[in-house]
Protein backbone atom coordinates (compact mmCIF):
# COMPACT_ATOMS: atom_id res chain seq x y z
CA MET A 1 103.57 120.04 107.30
CA GLU A 2 104.63 123.36 105.80
CA ARG A 3 104.83 126.05 108.42
CA SER A 4 103.89 128.57 105.74
CA LEU A 5 100.45 126.91 105.69
CA PHE A 6 99.77 127.68 109.34
CA ARG A 7 97.24 130.32 110.17
CA LYS A 8 96.22 131.70 113.51
CA PRO A 9 92.57 131.10 114.41
CA VAL A 10 90.31 134.10 114.69
CA PRO A 11 88.71 134.66 118.11
CA GLY A 12 85.07 133.66 118.01
CA SER A 13 85.44 131.26 115.07
CA TRP A 14 85.09 127.50 115.35
CA CYS A 15 88.83 127.24 114.68
CA TRP A 16 89.41 129.35 117.77
CA GLU A 17 87.17 127.07 119.81
CA MET A 18 89.17 124.10 118.62
CA ALA A 19 92.47 125.75 119.46
CA ALA A 20 91.22 126.65 122.90
CA GLY A 21 90.83 123.02 123.90
CA ASP A 22 89.32 120.69 121.34
CA CYS A 23 91.79 117.84 121.79
CA ASP A 24 90.20 114.58 122.83
CA VAL A 25 91.28 113.13 126.14
CA THR A 26 89.56 109.74 125.88
CA MET A 27 91.64 107.20 127.75
CA ALA A 28 92.92 104.11 125.96
CA PRO A 29 91.03 100.84 126.65
CA GLU A 30 92.32 98.54 129.35
CA PRO A 31 95.23 96.54 127.87
CA SER A 32 95.01 92.77 127.60
CA GLY A 33 98.70 92.05 128.25
CA ALA A 34 101.90 93.53 129.63
CA GLY A 35 103.47 94.14 126.21
CA GLU A 36 100.31 95.73 124.89
CA ALA A 37 100.04 97.84 128.03
CA ASP A 38 103.51 99.27 127.45
CA LEU A 39 102.63 100.15 123.86
CA GLU A 40 99.38 101.83 124.86
CA ARG A 41 101.13 103.83 127.59
CA GLU A 42 103.68 104.96 125.02
CA ALA A 43 100.90 105.92 122.60
CA GLU A 44 99.10 107.87 125.35
CA LEU A 45 102.34 109.70 126.11
CA PHE A 46 102.68 110.69 122.47
CA LYS A 47 99.06 111.87 122.46
CA GLU A 48 99.61 113.99 125.57
CA GLN A 49 102.70 115.53 123.98
CA GLY A 50 100.62 116.24 120.88
CA ASN A 51 97.97 117.89 123.04
CA ALA A 52 100.63 120.11 124.61
CA PHE A 53 101.91 121.27 121.22
CA TYR A 54 98.32 121.73 120.01
CA ALA A 55 97.62 124.02 122.98
CA LYS A 56 100.71 126.05 122.02
CA LYS A 57 99.38 126.24 118.43
CA ASP A 58 102.44 124.34 117.19
CA TYR A 59 100.35 122.22 114.83
CA ASN A 60 103.36 120.79 113.01
CA GLU A 61 104.67 119.08 116.15
CA ALA A 62 101.16 118.18 117.30
CA PHE A 63 100.58 116.39 114.00
CA ASN A 64 103.84 114.48 114.36
CA TYR A 65 103.05 113.23 117.86
CA TYR A 66 99.46 112.25 117.03
CA THR A 67 100.84 110.30 114.07
CA LYS A 68 103.26 108.49 116.38
CA ALA A 69 100.37 107.55 118.65
CA ILE A 70 98.39 106.25 115.65
CA ASP A 71 101.33 104.20 114.44
CA ILE A 72 101.43 102.40 117.79
CA CYS A 73 97.66 102.11 118.36
CA PRO A 74 95.85 102.40 114.99
CA LYS A 75 92.48 101.41 116.49
CA ASN A 76 92.13 104.36 118.89
CA ALA A 77 89.48 106.78 117.58
CA SER A 78 90.61 109.76 119.67
CA TYR A 79 94.07 109.77 118.06
CA TYR A 80 92.55 110.16 114.59
CA GLY A 81 90.17 112.76 116.00
CA ASN A 82 93.03 114.84 117.39
CA ARG A 83 95.03 114.61 114.19
CA ALA A 84 91.94 115.64 112.22
CA ALA A 85 91.56 118.71 114.46
CA THR A 86 95.21 119.61 113.80
CA LEU A 87 94.81 119.26 110.03
CA MET A 88 91.70 121.43 110.12
CA MET A 89 93.62 124.17 111.90
CA ILE A 90 96.06 124.43 108.97
CA GLY A 91 93.36 124.20 106.33
CA LYS A 92 94.04 120.64 105.14
CA PHE A 93 90.40 119.62 105.11
CA ARG A 94 90.63 116.67 102.73
CA GLU A 95 93.24 114.96 104.89
CA ALA A 96 91.27 115.92 108.02
CA LEU A 97 88.14 114.39 106.48
CA GLU A 98 89.90 111.04 106.06
CA ASP A 99 91.03 111.05 109.70
CA SER A 100 87.65 112.07 111.07
CA GLN A 101 85.91 109.39 108.99
CA GLN A 102 88.33 106.80 110.30
CA ALA A 103 87.65 108.00 113.87
CA VAL A 104 83.88 107.47 113.58
CA ARG A 105 84.37 104.14 111.85
CA LEU A 106 86.27 103.02 114.94
CA ASP A 107 83.73 104.60 117.31
CA ASP A 108 80.30 105.44 115.90
CA ALA A 109 79.36 107.22 119.15
CA PHE A 110 82.33 109.60 118.88
CA VAL A 111 80.48 112.93 118.81
CA ARG A 112 83.48 115.14 118.08
CA GLY A 113 84.46 112.81 115.27
CA HIS A 114 81.08 113.30 113.57
CA LEU A 115 81.29 117.06 114.15
CA ARG A 116 84.72 117.24 112.57
CA GLU A 117 83.64 115.12 109.62
CA GLY A 118 80.71 117.49 109.09
CA LYS A 119 82.91 120.56 109.33
CA CYS A 120 85.33 119.10 106.79
CA HIS A 121 82.51 118.28 104.36
CA LEU A 122 81.12 121.78 104.79
CA SER A 123 84.52 123.43 104.30
CA LEU A 124 84.94 121.45 101.08
CA GLY A 125 81.49 122.53 99.86
CA ASN A 126 79.58 119.28 100.36
CA ALA A 127 76.77 120.72 102.44
CA MET A 128 74.47 117.69 102.08
CA ALA A 129 77.07 115.30 103.51
CA ALA A 130 77.82 117.83 106.24
CA GLY A 131 74.14 117.97 107.16
CA ARG A 132 74.02 114.20 107.55
CA CYS A 133 76.96 114.33 109.96
CA PHE A 134 75.37 117.05 112.09
CA GLN A 135 72.09 115.12 112.15
CA LYS A 136 74.06 112.13 113.46
CA VAL A 137 75.46 114.31 116.27
CA LEU A 138 71.93 115.36 117.20
CA GLU A 139 70.91 111.71 117.37
CA LEU A 140 73.70 111.21 119.91
CA GLU A 141 73.24 114.53 121.71
CA SER A 142 69.84 116.00 120.93
CA ASN A 143 70.61 119.44 122.39
CA SER A 144 74.11 119.94 120.97
CA PRO A 145 74.27 123.71 120.30
CA GLN A 146 77.28 123.30 118.02
CA ALA A 147 75.54 120.72 115.84
CA LEU A 148 72.40 122.88 115.63
CA THR A 149 74.46 125.89 114.54
CA GLU A 150 76.48 123.93 112.00
CA LEU A 151 73.33 122.34 110.59
CA LYS A 152 71.91 125.82 109.95
CA ASN A 153 75.20 126.78 108.25
CA ALA A 154 74.98 123.73 105.98
CA GLU A 155 71.38 124.57 105.07
CA ALA A 156 72.45 128.16 104.31
CA VAL A 157 75.19 126.97 101.96
CA LEU A 158 72.73 124.78 100.09
CA GLU A 159 70.45 127.78 99.65
CA TYR A 160 73.32 130.05 98.50
CA GLU A 161 74.33 127.41 95.97
CA ARG A 162 70.75 127.11 94.66
CA ILE A 163 70.39 130.88 94.22
CA ALA A 164 73.79 131.15 92.53
CA GLU A 165 73.01 128.39 90.02
CA LEU A 166 69.74 130.09 89.14
CA GLY A 167 71.53 133.43 88.80
CA PHE A 168 74.07 131.92 86.42
CA VAL A 169 71.31 130.59 84.18
CA LYS A 170 69.78 134.09 84.12
CA ARG A 171 73.27 135.59 83.49
CA ASP A 172 73.01 137.64 86.67
CA PHE A 173 76.72 137.23 87.33
CA ARG A 174 76.91 139.85 90.10
CA LYS A 175 74.35 137.90 92.09
CA VAL A 176 76.37 134.70 91.59
CA VAL A 177 79.55 136.36 92.88
CA TYR A 178 77.69 137.72 95.90
CA TYR A 179 76.21 134.36 96.91
CA MET A 180 79.41 132.44 96.21
CA ASP A 181 81.21 134.83 98.57
CA ARG A 182 78.56 134.05 101.21
CA ALA A 183 78.96 130.31 100.63
CA LEU A 184 82.76 130.51 100.79
CA GLU A 185 82.55 131.98 104.29
CA PHE A 186 81.45 128.49 105.40
CA ALA A 187 83.19 126.51 102.65
CA PRO A 188 86.62 128.16 102.26
CA ALA A 189 88.21 125.08 100.64
CA CYS A 190 85.53 124.48 97.99
CA HIS A 191 87.12 124.71 94.53
CA ARG A 192 83.74 124.40 92.85
CA PHE A 193 82.43 127.58 94.47
CA LYS A 194 85.66 129.43 93.72
CA ILE A 195 85.58 128.40 90.06
CA LEU A 196 81.97 129.56 89.63
CA LYS A 197 82.87 132.87 91.23
CA ALA A 198 85.97 133.24 89.04
CA GLU A 199 84.08 132.48 85.83
CA CYS A 200 81.48 135.11 86.69
CA LEU A 201 84.19 137.64 87.51
CA ALA A 202 85.66 137.01 84.04
CA LEU A 203 82.25 137.43 82.41
CA LEU A 204 81.88 140.73 84.31
CA GLY A 205 85.20 141.93 82.90
CA ARG A 206 87.03 141.69 86.24
CA TYR A 207 89.90 139.75 84.71
CA PRO A 208 92.62 140.31 87.36
CA ASP A 209 90.25 139.15 90.12
CA ALA A 210 89.22 136.08 88.12
CA GLN A 211 92.84 135.26 87.27
CA SER A 212 93.79 135.54 90.93
CA VAL A 213 91.15 133.02 92.03
CA ALA A 214 92.04 130.57 89.25
CA SER A 215 95.77 130.88 89.92
CA ASP A 216 95.26 130.14 93.62
CA ILE A 217 93.49 126.91 92.72
CA LEU A 218 96.14 125.91 90.17
CA ARG A 219 98.86 126.37 92.76
CA MET A 220 97.15 123.67 94.82
CA ASP A 221 95.97 121.54 91.89
CA SER A 222 97.78 122.10 88.61
CA THR A 223 95.45 119.67 86.80
CA ASN A 224 92.20 121.48 87.62
CA ALA A 225 90.54 121.78 84.20
CA ASP A 226 87.98 124.37 85.35
CA ALA A 227 90.69 126.70 86.65
CA LEU A 228 92.65 126.28 83.39
CA TYR A 229 89.49 127.16 81.47
CA VAL A 230 88.96 130.34 83.52
CA ARG A 231 92.57 131.39 82.92
CA GLY A 232 92.00 130.90 79.20
CA LEU A 233 88.71 132.78 79.31
CA CYS A 234 90.36 135.82 80.84
CA LEU A 235 93.17 135.80 78.27
CA TYR A 236 90.64 135.39 75.47
CA TYR A 237 88.68 138.47 76.52
CA GLU A 238 91.95 140.37 76.85
CA ASP A 239 92.76 139.44 73.20
CA CYS A 240 95.70 137.19 74.13
CA ILE A 241 94.23 134.60 71.80
CA GLU A 242 97.13 132.21 71.33
CA LYS A 243 97.81 132.00 75.06
CA ALA A 244 94.10 131.52 75.70
CA VAL A 245 93.98 128.60 73.29
CA GLN A 246 96.90 126.96 75.09
CA PHE A 247 94.91 127.00 78.35
CA PHE A 248 91.75 125.71 76.65
CA VAL A 249 93.71 122.86 75.05
CA GLN A 250 95.39 122.06 78.37
CA ALA A 251 91.98 122.00 80.07
CA LEU A 252 90.80 119.47 77.48
CA ARG A 253 93.86 117.34 78.13
CA MET A 254 93.01 117.24 81.81
CA ALA A 255 89.28 116.69 81.18
CA PRO A 256 88.45 115.58 77.62
CA ASP A 257 84.73 116.08 78.27
CA HIS A 258 85.10 119.71 79.36
CA GLU A 259 82.42 121.16 77.09
CA LYS A 260 83.16 124.84 77.75
CA ALA A 261 86.83 124.45 76.87
CA ARG A 262 85.91 122.48 73.77
CA LEU A 263 83.45 125.15 72.68
CA ALA A 264 86.02 127.89 73.35
CA CYS A 265 88.56 126.13 71.13
CA ARG A 266 85.95 125.82 68.42
CA LEU A 267 84.82 129.44 68.48
CA ASN A 268 87.98 131.39 69.24
CA LYS A 269 89.82 133.73 66.95
CA MET A 270 92.26 130.98 66.02
CA GLN A 271 89.50 129.62 63.83
CA GLN A 272 89.07 133.07 62.33
CA ALA A 273 92.78 133.07 61.48
CA ILE A 274 92.38 129.69 59.75
CA GLU A 275 89.47 131.05 57.74
CA ASP A 276 91.44 134.17 56.76
CA CYS A 277 94.36 132.04 55.59
CA THR A 278 92.00 129.78 53.64
CA ASN A 279 90.51 132.81 51.86
CA ALA A 280 94.00 134.09 51.04
CA ILE A 281 94.99 130.71 49.60
CA LYS A 282 91.87 130.66 47.42
CA LEU A 283 93.07 133.92 45.87
CA ASP A 284 96.68 132.66 45.50
CA ASP A 285 97.39 128.96 46.03
CA THR A 286 101.16 129.64 45.99
CA TYR A 287 101.00 131.98 49.02
CA ILE A 288 103.42 130.10 51.32
CA LYS A 289 103.01 132.47 54.29
CA ALA A 290 99.26 131.76 54.38
CA TYR A 291 99.93 128.01 54.36
CA MET A 292 102.52 128.41 57.15
CA ARG A 293 100.15 130.45 59.30
CA ARG A 294 97.25 128.06 58.76
CA ALA A 295 99.41 125.01 59.46
CA GLN A 296 100.59 126.51 62.76
CA CYS A 297 96.97 127.26 63.72
CA TYR A 298 96.07 123.65 62.97
CA MET A 299 98.94 122.49 65.19
CA ASP A 300 97.86 124.78 68.04
CA THR A 301 94.32 123.42 67.89
CA GLU A 302 95.51 119.79 67.54
CA GLN A 303 94.11 119.42 64.02
CA TYR A 304 97.15 117.42 62.98
CA GLU A 305 95.85 115.86 59.76
CA GLU A 306 95.13 119.32 58.34
CA ALA A 307 98.54 120.55 59.55
CA VAL A 308 100.31 117.64 57.81
CA ARG A 309 98.44 118.38 54.60
CA ASP A 310 99.52 122.05 54.67
CA TYR A 311 103.15 121.27 55.55
CA GLU A 312 103.28 118.71 52.71
CA LYS A 313 102.13 121.44 50.29
CA ILE A 314 104.74 123.82 51.72
CA TYR A 315 107.56 121.26 51.43
CA GLN A 316 106.58 120.37 47.87
CA THR A 317 106.83 124.04 46.97
CA GLU A 318 109.99 124.91 48.92
CA LYS A 319 112.16 121.93 49.92
CA THR A 320 114.08 123.56 52.77
CA LYS A 321 115.41 121.88 55.92
CA GLU A 322 113.08 124.03 58.02
CA HIS A 323 110.00 122.98 56.08
CA LYS A 324 111.05 119.32 56.17
CA GLN A 325 111.42 119.47 59.96
CA LEU A 326 108.03 121.17 60.37
CA LEU A 327 106.45 118.38 58.30
CA LYS A 328 108.17 115.69 60.39
CA ASN A 329 106.97 117.35 63.61
CA ALA A 330 103.39 117.46 62.35
CA GLN A 331 103.54 113.83 61.21
CA LEU A 332 104.87 112.79 64.62
CA GLU A 333 102.10 114.65 66.46
CA LEU A 334 99.51 113.07 64.17
CA LYS A 335 100.90 109.63 64.94
CA LYS A 336 100.92 110.35 68.68
CA SER A 337 97.34 111.67 68.56
CA LYS A 338 96.05 108.37 67.20
CA ARG A 339 97.31 106.30 70.13
CA LYS A 340 96.26 106.34 73.78
CA ASP A 341 97.14 109.57 75.56
CA TYR A 342 98.54 108.26 78.82
CA TYR A 343 98.96 111.78 80.22
CA LYS A 344 95.30 112.47 79.59
CA ILE A 345 94.29 109.15 81.15
CA LEU A 346 96.14 110.05 84.37
CA GLY A 347 95.10 113.69 84.16
CA VAL A 348 98.63 115.12 84.29
CA ASP A 349 100.64 117.48 82.14
CA LYS A 350 103.44 116.17 79.91
CA SER A 351 105.96 117.89 82.18
CA ALA A 352 104.63 116.07 85.27
CA SER A 353 107.22 114.90 87.79
CA GLU A 354 107.55 111.34 89.06
CA ASP A 355 105.73 112.29 92.27
CA GLU A 356 102.90 113.95 90.33
CA ILE A 357 102.48 110.82 88.19
CA LYS A 358 102.33 108.63 91.31
CA LYS A 359 99.83 110.95 92.97
CA ALA A 360 97.66 110.99 89.84
CA TYR A 361 97.77 107.19 89.58
CA ARG A 362 96.74 106.81 93.22
CA LYS A 363 93.76 109.11 92.70
CA ARG A 364 92.56 107.57 89.43
CA ALA A 365 93.16 103.95 90.45
CA LEU A 366 91.09 104.36 93.60
CA MET A 367 88.41 106.21 91.63
CA HIS A 368 87.97 103.46 89.02
CA HIS A 369 88.79 100.32 91.04
CA PRO A 370 86.13 97.66 90.28
CA ASP A 371 85.45 96.98 93.97
CA ARG A 372 84.30 100.57 94.36
CA HIS A 373 81.59 100.04 91.75
CA SER A 374 80.45 96.54 92.72
CA SER A 375 76.89 97.74 93.31
CA ALA A 376 76.64 99.66 90.01
CA SER A 377 74.90 98.44 86.85
CA PRO A 378 76.75 95.92 84.62
CA GLU A 379 77.36 98.65 82.03
CA VAL A 380 78.95 100.99 84.58
CA GLN A 381 81.02 98.15 86.05
CA LYS A 382 82.36 97.29 82.60
CA GLU A 383 83.24 100.92 81.85
CA GLU A 384 84.96 101.44 85.21
CA GLU A 385 86.95 98.20 84.79
CA LYS A 386 88.13 99.44 81.38
CA LYS A 387 89.20 102.78 82.88
CA PHE A 388 90.97 101.00 85.76
CA LYS A 389 93.00 98.95 83.26
CA GLU A 390 93.85 102.04 81.21
CA VAL A 391 95.05 103.85 84.34
CA GLY A 392 97.28 100.89 85.18
CA GLU A 393 98.63 100.80 81.63
CA ALA A 394 99.33 104.56 81.69
CA PHE A 395 101.18 104.26 85.01
CA SER A 396 103.22 101.27 83.81
CA ILE A 397 104.51 103.38 80.90
CA LEU A 398 104.95 106.81 82.48
CA SER A 399 106.57 105.48 85.67
CA ASP A 400 109.25 103.64 83.67
CA PRO A 401 111.89 106.17 82.45
CA LYS A 402 112.85 104.06 79.42
CA LYS A 403 109.27 103.43 78.30
CA LYS A 404 108.30 107.03 79.01
CA ALA A 405 111.18 108.35 76.88
CA ARG A 406 110.15 106.12 73.96
CA TYR A 407 106.50 107.09 74.38
CA ASP A 408 107.31 110.83 74.51
CA SER A 409 109.45 110.57 71.38
CA GLY A 410 106.61 108.89 69.50
CA GLN A 411 108.32 105.52 69.11
CA ASP A 412 106.36 102.27 69.17
CA LEU A 413 106.51 100.62 72.57
CA ASP A 414 106.12 97.18 71.00
CA ASP A 415 109.67 97.42 69.70
CA ASP A 416 112.46 95.83 71.76
CA GLY A 417 109.98 93.79 73.78
CA MET A 418 108.43 96.85 75.46
CA ASN A 419 104.83 95.86 74.87
CA SER A 420 102.53 98.41 76.51
CA GLY A 421 99.86 95.75 76.96
CA ASP A 422 102.14 93.35 78.86
CA PHE A 423 100.91 94.20 82.34
CA ASP A 424 98.29 93.32 84.93
CA ALA A 425 96.33 96.26 86.34
CA ASN A 426 95.61 94.46 89.62
CA ASN A 427 99.26 93.55 90.14
CA ILE A 428 100.29 97.15 89.55
CA PHE A 429 97.64 98.30 92.01
CA LYS A 430 98.79 95.87 94.70
CA ALA A 431 102.46 96.64 94.15
CA PHE A 432 101.80 100.40 94.32
CA PHE A 433 99.74 100.29 97.52
CA GLY A 434 101.71 97.48 99.13
CA SER A 435 98.63 95.46 100.07
CA PRO A 436 99.57 92.73 102.54
CA GLY A 437 96.55 90.60 101.74
CA GLY A 438 93.48 91.97 100.08
CA PHE A 439 91.68 95.28 100.13
CA SER A 440 88.15 96.58 100.32
CA PHE A 441 86.09 99.69 99.79
CA GLU A 442 83.69 100.63 102.56
CA ALA A 443 80.93 103.17 102.04
CA SER A 444 80.58 105.89 104.67
CA GLY A 445 77.49 107.57 103.28
CA PRO A 446 76.08 108.20 99.80
CA GLY A 447 78.90 109.02 97.41
CA ASN A 448 81.61 108.75 100.06
CA PHE A 449 83.96 105.78 100.06
CA PHE A 450 86.71 104.69 102.36
CA PHE A 451 89.54 102.62 100.93
CA GLN A 452 91.16 100.19 103.29
CA PHE A 453 93.63 97.35 102.97
CA GLY A 454 92.85 94.14 104.82
């Protein structure tokens, strides 16, 4: 836990109510043996110490002690509930969501667990899932004032989102910003709402404000394609064209299907520069500067075949070391573009650290694991299985320093017995997660899955 992430709750807010005494005090079940009794007493002691630190608003220590209790007694719902409350207090809603979901899996009648799960969903912008959680609370406690209030908040967020989407279609960007601000009051951790707001701010000419929102998101998630697109959009409107293109291209690397980034690359002034150079060359086909400028534009927009063609023309005309190196660079990028882009498959930048590569693999492997899509159509199952294998292949290369170095330099991995296809995606998955004996995906509501090792 980073202490810099801590924030003091505001009196009157639900965070304040939690800080004032939202720790669960459910007693552990009666132990079945002396050894087990000692462990459960130790776990209860850790929980009580966590409660004490929670009351003092020392959420770092509270988290540590709740984790110790969980390590000893991983089947106690209240321990996960308390740790979820702690994570919520420091704004880590995704981690809190996992703990609260585990708490209600262990105890479906755990009212506070359902409340916390709902609050996490709502904070992350999933108002429909939040509503289902609050409805569950009302099934358990029909007159719960907190659940009734939170259910109204979830319904309000859904309405704000509907109005904002309609406003965007009508290009009423001020209305979108207004309603996204209203929605973010209840969903402060929702990147989707922030991105929509930032894009509209850019379209309104409020570039510093839009840049600020996008930069905040990128600090938390450097691979967020939408935030990269917004950064590029702002730079484009500020006539920083080359920098804008870099962000659009990076967004496409993170999300190849990002249509807005693709369209921006297609319509930006880089294309105008290519056209200007082409017109100049038509007037004088020996104009080396026009070829050089056009070739660089092709490189920047990843049109490598065209870049190679121009650099070949340049080198034929002027056989300098510089021109030879530029041609070699273009040929290498063309070769690399025709093979699998492992960075794109994992959704990381080429400068990603070892930890970032591992984190990306964990996310993508869980997303595409065949067991998660066992109820999907045969076509979807086949596509997800293919993606799961590609993710495993990408990780097997990028996590191996020797293979990664050869891959980055454009060398063939089949040389020296380094066959990129010599791997088993399931074995990589099991080795990475350390499964002791099988694993399963359990659904916890439409679109929400819980991954658990058996």
